[in-house]
Every structure is written in C-alpha cells, then in structure tokens.
Amino acid sequence: MQDSRLPKLVFCLLAAAAVMQFFLYYPQLPATMASHFDGRGIPNGWQTKLVFFAFFLGATLLATVVAFGVPRIIETLPAQQLNLPNKEYWLAPERREASLGFLRAHMAWFGCAIFFVILLAFHYSILANLHGQTNFESRSFLIVLGAFLLFMIFWLIRLFTRFGRPPQPNSSPK
C-alpha cells in the first residue's frame, strides 16, 4: 500500500512557506498590484493587494481539495460510480484498501505539484510588484510549467501503469 504521509508533509511545508511569504511580503507591497502578465512578463491586469491574496488563498484551498478532498470523496463513492479501468478487480474487497491508498498518495503528490506551481506563480507576481518593478519572470515560470508538464506525464503514466491491467496469473507450471 502507498503511504500518503510524505506528500502530506511536503504539502504542509509548502503551506508554511505560503504563510511566511504572506507575512514577509504583504506589508512591502503597494495597495494596487500588477496581477496578470502577458507572455513577455509585462503587466496587463491589476488588483488590490487584498484581492490578490484572496485569490492566493482560494488557489491554496483548491490545491488542498485536489490533494486531500478528492481522494476522500472517491473513497465514499460506490464502485459503480467510479471511472477506473478494471474496477471490479482493483476495488475487490481484498484489494480495495491498497488501491485507495495508492490513489490517496498519488493525488496528494498531484496536489503538492499544483500547490508548488501556485506558490511560484504568486511569488513571481509578488517580486514583480516589489520596489516599483513590474516585470514578471516569464522565462523562469516557463521552466516551472515545463517541469510541471513532465511531472504530469510521469504522474499519468504511473496512474495508468498501476490500474491499466490487472496482473495476469502465472500460467507456467510450478
């Protein structure tokens, strides 16, 4: 069975970084902030700092729901309502807890990845607004998005590999 304690710890560390980011930067930021940027990092949308951080909180809550709420919802649903390949095999009573444990850990890592991207996006936005600067680190953020895309590919391969086909019984004589 997969253990979701490590991704939960990582998520908590990311949340602690978010809290520190808020308390460190909030007093230093202007009342109106550049909050949306074009592909070259030039601002093209603004909001108050309170609304900016409200969006940050909302994005944090969304990542939390993805990481920990969705797996709990999946656990409460009857097997007929789940869209899982070979669900009769994977959700059989003797394999159900192991399968759900894998999904809990897998979704927790996905939530960590989303939260990390959110943290960096908001961090780059904050840096763009400090000391009168207004340019977003778009090149650096493209690298972050590329890394997230690679993570997503690996994450999906792992998910499909785990649930794609049930193991075949060994047909060779013993």
N, C-alpha and C. Protein backbone atom coordinates (compact mmCIF):
# COMPACT_ATOMS: atom_id res chain seq x y z
N MET A 1 0.84 -1.17 0.00
CA MET A 1 0.00 0.00 0.00
C MET A 1 0.89 1.25 0.00
N GLN A 2 0.48 2.25 -0.74
CA GLN A 2 1.18 3.52 -0.79
C GLN A 2 0.88 4.33 0.47
N ASP A 3 1.87 5.05 0.95
CA ASP A 3 1.71 5.86 2.14
C ASP A 3 1.62 7.32 1.72
N SER A 4 0.64 8.03 2.22
CA SER A 4 0.47 9.43 1.84
C SER A 4 1.07 10.39 2.88
N ARG A 5 1.83 9.87 3.85
CA ARG A 5 2.40 10.75 4.87
C ARG A 5 3.45 11.70 4.30
N LEU A 6 4.32 11.22 3.42
CA LEU A 6 5.35 12.10 2.87
C LEU A 6 4.75 13.24 2.04
N PRO A 7 3.84 12.97 1.10
CA PRO A 7 3.27 14.11 0.37
C PRO A 7 2.47 15.05 1.29
N LYS A 8 1.87 14.52 2.35
CA LYS A 8 1.17 15.39 3.30
C LYS A 8 2.17 16.31 4.00
N LEU A 9 3.33 15.77 4.37
CA LEU A 9 4.36 16.58 4.99
C LEU A 9 4.86 17.65 4.02
N VAL A 10 5.10 17.26 2.77
CA VAL A 10 5.54 18.22 1.76
C VAL A 10 4.50 19.31 1.59
N PHE A 11 3.24 18.93 1.54
CA PHE A 11 2.17 19.91 1.39
C PHE A 11 2.15 20.88 2.58
N CYS A 12 2.33 20.35 3.77
CA CYS A 12 2.36 21.21 4.96
C CYS A 12 3.55 22.17 4.93
N LEU A 13 4.69 21.69 4.45
CA LEU A 13 5.86 22.57 4.32
C LEU A 13 5.60 23.67 3.29
N LEU A 14 4.94 23.32 2.19
CA LEU A 14 4.58 24.32 1.19
C LEU A 14 3.60 25.34 1.79
N ALA A 15 2.65 24.85 2.59
CA ALA A 15 1.69 25.75 3.24
C ALA A 15 2.41 26.69 4.21
N ALA A 16 3.40 26.16 4.94
CA ALA A 16 4.19 27.01 5.84
C ALA A 16 4.95 28.06 5.04
N ALA A 17 5.49 27.69 3.89
CA ALA A 17 6.17 28.65 3.02
C ALA A 17 5.19 29.73 2.54
N ALA A 18 3.97 29.34 2.24
CA ALA A 18 2.96 30.30 1.80
C ALA A 18 2.64 31.30 2.91
N VAL A 19 2.52 30.81 4.13
CA VAL A 19 2.24 31.69 5.27
C VAL A 19 3.40 32.66 5.48
N MET A 20 4.62 32.15 5.42
CA MET A 20 5.80 33.02 5.57
C MET A 20 5.84 34.05 4.44
N GLN A 21 5.52 33.60 3.23
CA GLN A 21 5.51 34.51 2.08
C GLN A 21 4.52 35.65 2.32
N PHE A 22 3.35 35.31 2.81
CA PHE A 22 2.34 36.33 3.09
C PHE A 22 2.85 37.34 4.10
N PHE A 23 3.32 36.86 5.25
CA PHE A 23 3.73 37.77 6.32
C PHE A 23 4.98 38.56 5.96
N LEU A 24 5.84 38.01 5.14
CA LEU A 24 7.05 38.71 4.73
C LEU A 24 6.75 39.81 3.72
N TYR A 25 5.93 39.51 2.74
CA TYR A 25 5.75 40.43 1.63
C TYR A 25 4.54 41.35 1.73
N TYR A 26 3.50 40.95 2.40
CA TYR A 26 2.28 41.76 2.42
C TYR A 26 2.53 43.22 2.80
N PRO A 27 3.28 43.50 3.89
CA PRO A 27 3.49 44.91 4.26
C PRO A 27 4.32 45.70 3.25
N GLN A 28 5.11 45.01 2.43
CA GLN A 28 6.00 45.69 1.49
C GLN A 28 5.35 46.01 0.15
N LEU A 29 4.20 45.43 -0.12
CA LEU A 29 3.59 45.56 -1.45
C LEU A 29 2.72 46.80 -1.55
N PRO A 30 2.60 47.35 -2.76
CA PRO A 30 1.74 48.52 -2.95
C PRO A 30 0.27 48.14 -2.80
N ALA A 31 -0.58 49.13 -2.60
CA ALA A 31 -2.01 48.89 -2.41
C ALA A 31 -2.65 48.29 -3.66
N THR A 32 -2.21 48.72 -4.83
CA THR A 32 -2.68 48.16 -6.09
C THR A 32 -1.50 47.46 -6.75
N MET A 33 -1.73 46.21 -7.13
CA MET A 33 -0.64 45.37 -7.65
C MET A 33 -0.91 44.92 -9.07
N ALA A 34 0.15 44.78 -9.83
CA ALA A 34 0.05 44.09 -11.12
C ALA A 34 -0.19 42.62 -10.79
N SER A 35 -1.24 42.05 -11.37
CA SER A 35 -1.60 40.68 -11.00
C SER A 35 -1.72 39.76 -12.20
N HIS A 36 -1.70 40.30 -13.38
CA HIS A 36 -1.77 39.48 -14.59
C HIS A 36 -0.72 40.01 -15.56
N PHE A 37 -0.05 39.09 -16.25
CA PHE A 37 1.07 39.47 -17.10
C PHE A 37 0.96 38.77 -18.44
N ASP A 38 1.46 39.43 -19.48
CA ASP A 38 1.45 38.77 -20.79
C ASP A 38 2.64 37.82 -20.90
N GLY A 39 2.82 37.21 -22.05
CA GLY A 39 3.87 36.22 -22.24
C GLY A 39 5.27 36.75 -22.09
N ARG A 40 5.44 38.07 -22.21
CA ARG A 40 6.76 38.67 -22.04
C ARG A 40 7.00 39.18 -20.63
N GLY A 41 6.00 39.00 -19.76
CA GLY A 41 6.15 39.43 -18.37
C GLY A 41 5.72 40.86 -18.13
N ILE A 42 5.04 41.48 -19.09
CA ILE A 42 4.55 42.85 -18.94
C ILE A 42 3.15 42.80 -18.32
N PRO A 43 2.90 43.60 -17.27
CA PRO A 43 1.59 43.54 -16.62
C PRO A 43 0.47 44.05 -17.53
N ASN A 44 -0.68 43.37 -17.46
CA ASN A 44 -1.85 43.82 -18.20
C ASN A 44 -3.13 43.66 -17.38
N GLY A 45 -2.98 43.51 -16.07
CA GLY A 45 -4.12 43.44 -15.16
C GLY A 45 -3.68 43.78 -13.75
N TRP A 46 -4.53 44.48 -13.02
CA TRP A 46 -4.18 44.92 -11.68
C TRP A 46 -5.32 44.61 -10.71
N GLN A 47 -4.99 44.47 -9.43
CA GLN A 47 -5.99 44.31 -8.38
C GLN A 47 -5.40 44.81 -7.07
N THR A 48 -6.29 44.99 -6.12
CA THR A 48 -5.80 45.42 -4.80
C THR A 48 -5.01 44.26 -4.18
N LYS A 49 -4.17 44.62 -3.27
CA LYS A 49 -3.36 43.58 -2.63
C LYS A 49 -4.23 42.62 -1.83
N LEU A 50 -5.33 43.11 -1.26
CA LEU A 50 -6.24 42.23 -0.52
C LEU A 50 -6.88 41.20 -1.46
N VAL A 51 -7.32 41.64 -2.62
CA VAL A 51 -7.93 40.72 -3.60
C VAL A 51 -6.87 39.74 -4.13
N PHE A 52 -5.68 40.23 -4.36
CA PHE A 52 -4.58 39.39 -4.83
C PHE A 52 -4.35 38.22 -3.85
N PHE A 53 -4.27 38.53 -2.57
CA PHE A 53 -4.03 37.48 -1.58
C PHE A 53 -5.27 36.63 -1.33
N ALA A 54 -6.46 37.20 -1.58
CA ALA A 54 -7.67 36.38 -1.51
C ALA A 54 -7.64 35.32 -2.61
N PHE A 55 -7.18 35.69 -3.81
CA PHE A 55 -7.01 34.71 -4.89
C PHE A 55 -5.95 33.67 -4.51
N PHE A 56 -4.91 34.11 -3.86
CA PHE A 56 -3.86 33.20 -3.39
C PHE A 56 -4.44 32.19 -2.41
N LEU A 57 -5.26 32.66 -1.47
CA LEU A 57 -5.91 31.77 -0.51
C LEU A 57 -6.85 30.80 -1.23
N GLY A 58 -7.61 31.31 -2.20
CA GLY A 58 -8.52 30.46 -2.97
C GLY A 58 -7.78 29.38 -3.74
N ALA A 59 -6.66 29.74 -4.34
CA ALA A 59 -5.86 28.76 -5.08
C ALA A 59 -5.27 27.72 -4.13
N THR A 60 -4.88 28.15 -2.94
CA THR A 60 -4.37 27.23 -1.93
C THR A 60 -5.45 26.25 -1.50
N LEU A 61 -6.65 26.75 -1.28
CA LEU A 61 -7.76 25.87 -0.91
C LEU A 61 -8.09 24.89 -2.03
N LEU A 62 -8.02 25.34 -3.26
CA LEU A 62 -8.27 24.45 -4.40
C LEU A 62 -7.23 23.32 -4.43
N ALA A 63 -5.97 23.65 -4.24
CA ALA A 63 -4.92 22.62 -4.22
C ALA A 63 -5.15 21.65 -3.07
N THR A 64 -5.61 22.15 -1.94
CA THR A 64 -5.89 21.30 -0.78
C THR A 64 -7.03 20.33 -1.08
N VAL A 65 -8.07 20.82 -1.72
CA VAL A 65 -9.21 19.95 -2.08
C VAL A 65 -8.76 18.88 -3.06
N VAL A 66 -7.96 19.26 -4.06
CA VAL A 66 -7.47 18.28 -5.03
C VAL A 66 -6.62 17.22 -4.33
N ALA A 67 -5.74 17.66 -3.44
CA ALA A 67 -4.81 16.74 -2.80
C ALA A 67 -5.49 15.81 -1.79
N PHE A 68 -6.43 16.34 -1.03
CA PHE A 68 -6.94 15.56 0.10
C PHE A 68 -8.46 15.37 0.08
N GLY A 69 -9.19 16.28 -0.52
CA GLY A 69 -10.65 16.15 -0.56
C GLY A 69 -11.13 15.15 -1.59
N VAL A 70 -10.57 15.22 -2.79
CA VAL A 70 -10.98 14.31 -3.87
C VAL A 70 -10.78 12.84 -3.49
N PRO A 71 -9.63 12.46 -2.93
CA PRO A 71 -9.48 11.05 -2.54
C PRO A 71 -10.52 10.62 -1.50
N ARG A 72 -10.87 11.50 -0.58
CA ARG A 72 -11.89 11.16 0.42
C ARG A 72 -13.25 10.98 -0.25
N ILE A 73 -13.55 11.81 -1.22
CA ILE A 73 -14.81 11.66 -1.95
C ILE A 73 -14.83 10.34 -2.71
N ILE A 74 -13.70 10.01 -3.35
CA ILE A 74 -13.60 8.75 -4.10
C ILE A 74 -13.85 7.56 -3.17
N GLU A 75 -13.31 7.63 -1.96
CA GLU A 75 -13.48 6.53 -1.01
C GLU A 75 -14.93 6.30 -0.61
N THR A 76 -15.73 7.36 -0.64
CA THR A 76 -17.12 7.23 -0.21
C THR A 76 -18.06 6.79 -1.33
N LEU A 77 -17.60 6.89 -2.57
CA LEU A 77 -18.46 6.54 -3.70
C LEU A 77 -18.55 5.03 -3.88
N PRO A 78 -19.71 4.55 -4.29
CA PRO A 78 -19.80 3.13 -4.64
C PRO A 78 -19.00 2.85 -5.90
N ALA A 79 -18.53 1.63 -6.03
CA ALA A 79 -17.67 1.26 -7.17
C ALA A 79 -18.32 1.56 -8.51
N GLN A 80 -19.64 1.43 -8.60
CA GLN A 80 -20.33 1.67 -9.86
C GLN A 80 -20.17 3.11 -10.35
N GLN A 81 -19.94 4.04 -9.45
CA GLN A 81 -19.82 5.45 -9.82
C GLN A 81 -18.38 5.88 -10.10
N LEU A 82 -17.44 4.99 -9.95
CA LEU A 82 -16.04 5.33 -10.20
C LEU A 82 -15.66 4.95 -11.62
N ASN A 83 -14.90 5.81 -12.25
CA ASN A 83 -14.39 5.56 -13.59
C ASN A 83 -12.93 5.11 -13.44
N LEU A 84 -12.76 3.85 -13.24
CA LEU A 84 -11.44 3.27 -13.01
C LEU A 84 -11.32 2.03 -13.89
N PRO A 85 -10.26 1.92 -14.68
CA PRO A 85 -10.12 0.72 -15.51
C PRO A 85 -10.07 -0.53 -14.64
N ASN A 86 -10.74 -1.57 -15.08
CA ASN A 86 -10.73 -2.85 -14.37
C ASN A 86 -11.14 -2.70 -12.91
N LYS A 87 -12.13 -1.84 -12.67
CA LYS A 87 -12.50 -1.53 -11.29
C LYS A 87 -13.00 -2.75 -10.51
N GLU A 88 -13.57 -3.72 -11.20
CA GLU A 88 -14.02 -4.92 -10.49
C GLU A 88 -12.85 -5.61 -9.80
N TYR A 89 -11.70 -5.63 -10.49
CA TYR A 89 -10.50 -6.24 -9.93
C TYR A 89 -9.91 -5.36 -8.83
N TRP A 90 -9.67 -4.07 -9.15
CA TRP A 90 -8.95 -3.18 -8.25
C TRP A 90 -9.76 -2.82 -7.00
N LEU A 91 -11.08 -2.86 -7.11
CA LEU A 91 -11.91 -2.49 -5.96
C LEU A 91 -12.54 -3.70 -5.27
N ALA A 92 -12.06 -4.89 -5.63
CA ALA A 92 -12.50 -6.09 -4.91
C ALA A 92 -12.09 -5.92 -3.44
N PRO A 93 -12.86 -6.48 -2.53
CA PRO A 93 -12.60 -6.26 -1.09
C PRO A 93 -11.14 -6.49 -0.67
N GLU A 94 -10.49 -7.50 -1.25
CA GLU A 94 -9.11 -7.80 -0.83
C GLU A 94 -8.08 -6.80 -1.39
N ARG A 95 -8.46 -6.00 -2.40
CA ARG A 95 -7.55 -5.02 -3.00
C ARG A 95 -8.01 -3.58 -2.84
N ARG A 96 -9.20 -3.37 -2.35
CA ARG A 96 -9.79 -2.02 -2.28
C ARG A 96 -8.92 -1.05 -1.48
N GLU A 97 -8.51 -1.43 -0.28
CA GLU A 97 -7.73 -0.51 0.56
C GLU A 97 -6.39 -0.17 -0.08
N ALA A 98 -5.73 -1.13 -0.68
CA ALA A 98 -4.44 -0.86 -1.35
C ALA A 98 -4.65 0.07 -2.54
N SER A 99 -5.71 -0.15 -3.30
CA SER A 99 -5.99 0.71 -4.45
C SER A 99 -6.32 2.13 -4.00
N LEU A 100 -7.14 2.26 -2.98
CA LEU A 100 -7.49 3.59 -2.48
C LEU A 100 -6.29 4.26 -1.83
N GLY A 101 -5.44 3.49 -1.18
CA GLY A 101 -4.21 4.04 -0.61
C GLY A 101 -3.30 4.61 -1.69
N PHE A 102 -3.20 3.88 -2.80
CA PHE A 102 -2.41 4.38 -3.93
C PHE A 102 -3.00 5.70 -4.43
N LEU A 103 -4.32 5.74 -4.60
CA LEU A 103 -4.96 6.97 -5.09
C LEU A 103 -4.78 8.13 -4.11
N ARG A 104 -4.86 7.86 -2.81
CA ARG A 104 -4.63 8.91 -1.80
C ARG A 104 -3.24 9.51 -1.95
N ALA A 105 -2.23 8.64 -2.01
CA ALA A 105 -0.86 9.13 -2.13
C ALA A 105 -0.63 9.81 -3.48
N HIS A 106 -1.16 9.23 -4.53
CA HIS A 106 -0.98 9.78 -5.88
C HIS A 106 -1.62 11.16 -6.00
N MET A 107 -2.82 11.31 -5.47
CA MET A 107 -3.50 12.60 -5.52
C MET A 107 -2.81 13.62 -4.60
N ALA A 108 -2.25 13.16 -3.50
CA ALA A 108 -1.53 14.07 -2.61
C ALA A 108 -0.30 14.64 -3.31
N TRP A 109 0.42 13.79 -4.07
CA TRP A 109 1.58 14.30 -4.83
C TRP A 109 1.12 15.28 -5.91
N PHE A 110 0.00 14.97 -6.54
CA PHE A 110 -0.54 15.88 -7.55
C PHE A 110 -0.89 17.23 -6.92
N GLY A 111 -1.52 17.20 -5.74
CA GLY A 111 -1.83 18.43 -5.04
C GLY A 111 -0.58 19.22 -4.67
N CYS A 112 0.47 18.52 -4.27
CA CYS A 112 1.75 19.18 -3.96
C CYS A 112 2.31 19.88 -5.21
N ALA A 113 2.25 19.20 -6.33
CA ALA A 113 2.77 19.79 -7.57
C ALA A 113 1.97 21.03 -7.96
N ILE A 114 0.64 20.94 -7.87
CA ILE A 114 -0.19 22.11 -8.18
C ILE A 114 0.13 23.25 -7.22
N PHE A 115 0.21 22.94 -5.94
CA PHE A 115 0.48 23.96 -4.94
C PHE A 115 1.84 24.61 -5.17
N PHE A 116 2.83 23.82 -5.55
CA PHE A 116 4.17 24.36 -5.83
C PHE A 116 4.12 25.35 -6.98
N VAL A 117 3.41 25.01 -8.05
CA VAL A 117 3.29 25.91 -9.19
C VAL A 117 2.55 27.19 -8.78
N ILE A 118 1.50 27.05 -7.99
CA ILE A 118 0.76 28.21 -7.50
C ILE A 118 1.67 29.11 -6.67
N LEU A 119 2.42 28.51 -5.75
CA LEU A 119 3.33 29.29 -4.92
C LEU A 119 4.34 30.07 -5.76
N LEU A 120 4.90 29.41 -6.75
CA LEU A 120 5.89 30.10 -7.59
C LEU A 120 5.25 31.19 -8.43
N ALA A 121 4.07 30.95 -8.97
CA ALA A 121 3.38 31.97 -9.76
C ALA A 121 3.12 33.21 -8.90
N PHE A 122 2.60 33.00 -7.69
CA PHE A 122 2.34 34.13 -6.82
C PHE A 122 3.64 34.78 -6.36
N HIS A 123 4.67 33.98 -6.14
CA HIS A 123 5.97 34.54 -5.75
C HIS A 123 6.52 35.44 -6.85
N TYR A 124 6.48 34.98 -8.09
CA TYR A 124 6.96 35.80 -9.20
C TYR A 124 6.12 37.07 -9.34
N SER A 125 4.83 36.97 -9.10
CA SER A 125 3.96 38.16 -9.15
C SER A 125 4.33 39.13 -8.04
N ILE A 126 4.58 38.60 -6.86
CA ILE A 126 4.98 39.45 -5.74
C ILE A 126 6.29 40.15 -6.05
N LEU A 127 7.27 39.40 -6.54
CA LEU A 127 8.57 40.00 -6.87
C LEU A 127 8.43 41.08 -7.93
N ALA A 128 7.52 40.87 -8.86
CA ALA A 128 7.31 41.87 -9.91
C ALA A 128 6.75 43.17 -9.34
N ASN A 129 6.11 43.11 -8.20
CA ASN A 129 5.50 44.30 -7.61
C ASN A 129 6.35 44.97 -6.53
N LEU A 130 7.39 44.32 -6.10
CA LEU A 130 8.24 44.91 -5.07
C LEU A 130 9.09 46.04 -5.64
N HIS A 131 9.23 47.09 -4.89
CA HIS A 131 10.13 48.19 -5.21
C HIS A 131 9.85 48.81 -6.57
N GLY A 132 8.59 48.85 -6.96
CA GLY A 132 8.21 49.52 -8.20
C GLY A 132 8.51 48.76 -9.47
N GLN A 133 9.04 47.55 -9.37
CA GLN A 133 9.28 46.76 -10.57
C GLN A 133 7.94 46.17 -11.01
N THR A 134 7.79 45.93 -12.29
CA THR A 134 6.54 45.33 -12.75
C THR A 134 6.76 44.26 -13.81
N ASN A 135 7.94 43.67 -13.87
CA ASN A 135 8.16 42.61 -14.85
C ASN A 135 8.14 41.25 -14.18
N PHE A 136 7.35 40.36 -14.74
CA PHE A 136 7.20 39.00 -14.26
C PHE A 136 8.30 38.15 -14.85
N GLU A 137 8.84 37.22 -14.08
CA GLU A 137 9.90 36.32 -14.56
C GLU A 137 9.28 35.25 -15.47
N SER A 138 8.86 35.65 -16.65
CA SER A 138 8.13 34.72 -17.52
C SER A 138 9.02 33.56 -17.99
N ARG A 139 10.28 33.81 -18.25
CA ARG A 139 11.15 32.71 -18.68
C ARG A 139 11.32 31.67 -17.58
N SER A 140 11.55 32.14 -16.37
CA SER A 140 11.69 31.22 -15.24
C SER A 140 10.40 30.44 -15.03
N PHE A 141 9.28 31.15 -15.18
CA PHE A 141 8.00 30.47 -14.95
C PHE A 141 7.71 29.46 -16.06
N LEU A 142 8.17 29.71 -17.26
CA LEU A 142 8.01 28.73 -18.33
C LEU A 142 8.77 27.44 -18.00
N ILE A 143 9.91 27.57 -17.36
CA ILE A 143 10.67 26.39 -16.93
C ILE A 143 9.86 25.63 -15.87
N VAL A 144 9.24 26.37 -14.95
CA VAL A 144 8.39 25.74 -13.93
C VAL A 144 7.23 25.00 -14.60
N LEU A 145 6.59 25.64 -15.56
CA LEU A 145 5.48 24.99 -16.27
C LEU A 145 5.95 23.77 -17.05
N GLY A 146 7.13 23.85 -17.64
CA GLY A 146 7.70 22.68 -18.33
C GLY A 146 7.95 21.53 -17.37
N ALA A 147 8.48 21.85 -16.20
CA ALA A 147 8.71 20.82 -15.19
C ALA A 147 7.38 20.22 -14.72
N PHE A 148 6.36 21.07 -14.59
CA PHE A 148 5.04 20.57 -14.20
C PHE A 148 4.47 19.65 -15.28
N LEU A 149 4.68 19.99 -16.53
CA LEU A 149 4.22 19.13 -17.63
C LEU A 149 4.92 17.78 -17.57
N LEU A 150 6.22 17.76 -17.33
CA LEU A 150 6.94 16.49 -17.19
C LEU A 150 6.41 15.70 -15.99
N PHE A 151 6.14 16.38 -14.90
CA PHE A 151 5.56 15.71 -13.73
C PHE A 151 4.22 15.09 -14.10
N MET A 152 3.39 15.85 -14.82
CA MET A 152 2.07 15.35 -15.21
C MET A 152 2.18 14.10 -16.08
N ILE A 153 3.13 14.10 -17.00
CA ILE A 153 3.32 12.93 -17.86
C ILE A 153 3.71 11.73 -17.01
N PHE A 154 4.68 11.91 -16.13
CA PHE A 154 5.10 10.83 -15.24
C PHE A 154 3.95 10.38 -14.35
N TRP A 155 3.19 11.34 -13.81
CA TRP A 155 2.07 11.05 -12.92
C TRP A 155 1.01 10.21 -13.63
N LEU A 156 0.68 10.59 -14.87
CA LEU A 156 -0.32 9.84 -15.64
C LEU A 156 0.18 8.45 -16.01
N ILE A 157 1.44 8.35 -16.41
CA ILE A 157 2.00 7.03 -16.74
C ILE A 157 1.93 6.13 -15.52
N ARG A 158 2.29 6.66 -14.37
CA ARG A 158 2.24 5.87 -13.13
C ARG A 158 0.82 5.43 -12.81
N LEU A 159 -0.14 6.33 -13.01
CA LEU A 159 -1.54 6.00 -12.73
C LEU A 159 -2.04 4.91 -13.68
N PHE A 160 -1.77 5.08 -14.98
CA PHE A 160 -2.23 4.09 -15.95
C PHE A 160 -1.49 2.76 -15.81
N THR A 161 -0.23 2.82 -15.44
CA THR A 161 0.54 1.60 -15.22
C THR A 161 -0.04 0.82 -14.04
N ARG A 162 -0.40 1.53 -13.01
CA ARG A 162 -0.93 0.88 -11.80
C ARG A 162 -2.30 0.24 -12.05
N PHE A 163 -3.17 0.95 -12.76
CA PHE A 163 -4.54 0.46 -12.92
C PHE A 163 -4.88 -0.03 -14.32
N GLY A 164 -3.92 0.03 -15.23
CA GLY A 164 -4.21 -0.34 -16.62
C GLY A 164 -4.70 -1.76 -16.80
N ARG A 165 -3.94 -2.69 -16.33
CA ARG A 165 -4.32 -4.10 -16.47
C ARG A 165 -4.08 -4.81 -15.15
N PRO A 166 -5.01 -5.68 -14.81
CA PRO A 166 -4.74 -6.48 -13.60
C PRO A 166 -3.59 -7.44 -13.87
N PRO A 167 -2.84 -7.80 -12.86
CA PRO A 167 -1.76 -8.77 -13.07
C PRO A 167 -2.33 -10.10 -13.55
N GLN A 168 -1.63 -10.69 -14.48
CA GLN A 168 -2.06 -11.98 -15.02
C GLN A 168 -1.52 -13.09 -14.13
N PRO A 169 -2.36 -14.07 -13.85
CA PRO A 169 -1.84 -15.19 -13.06
C PRO A 169 -0.73 -15.90 -13.82
N ASN A 170 0.21 -16.39 -13.09
CA ASN A 170 1.34 -17.08 -13.70
C ASN A 170 0.85 -18.40 -14.31
N SER A 171 0.99 -18.51 -15.62
CA SER A 171 0.46 -19.71 -16.31
C SER A 171 1.50 -20.82 -16.41
N SER A 172 2.72 -20.55 -15.97
CA SER A 172 3.74 -21.62 -16.05
C SER A 172 3.56 -22.59 -14.89
N PRO A 173 3.82 -23.88 -15.13
CA PRO A 173 3.68 -24.87 -14.05
C PRO A 173 4.70 -24.64 -12.97
N LYS A 174 4.29 -24.96 -11.74
CA LYS A 174 5.22 -24.78 -10.60
C LYS A 174 5.93 -26.04 -10.28
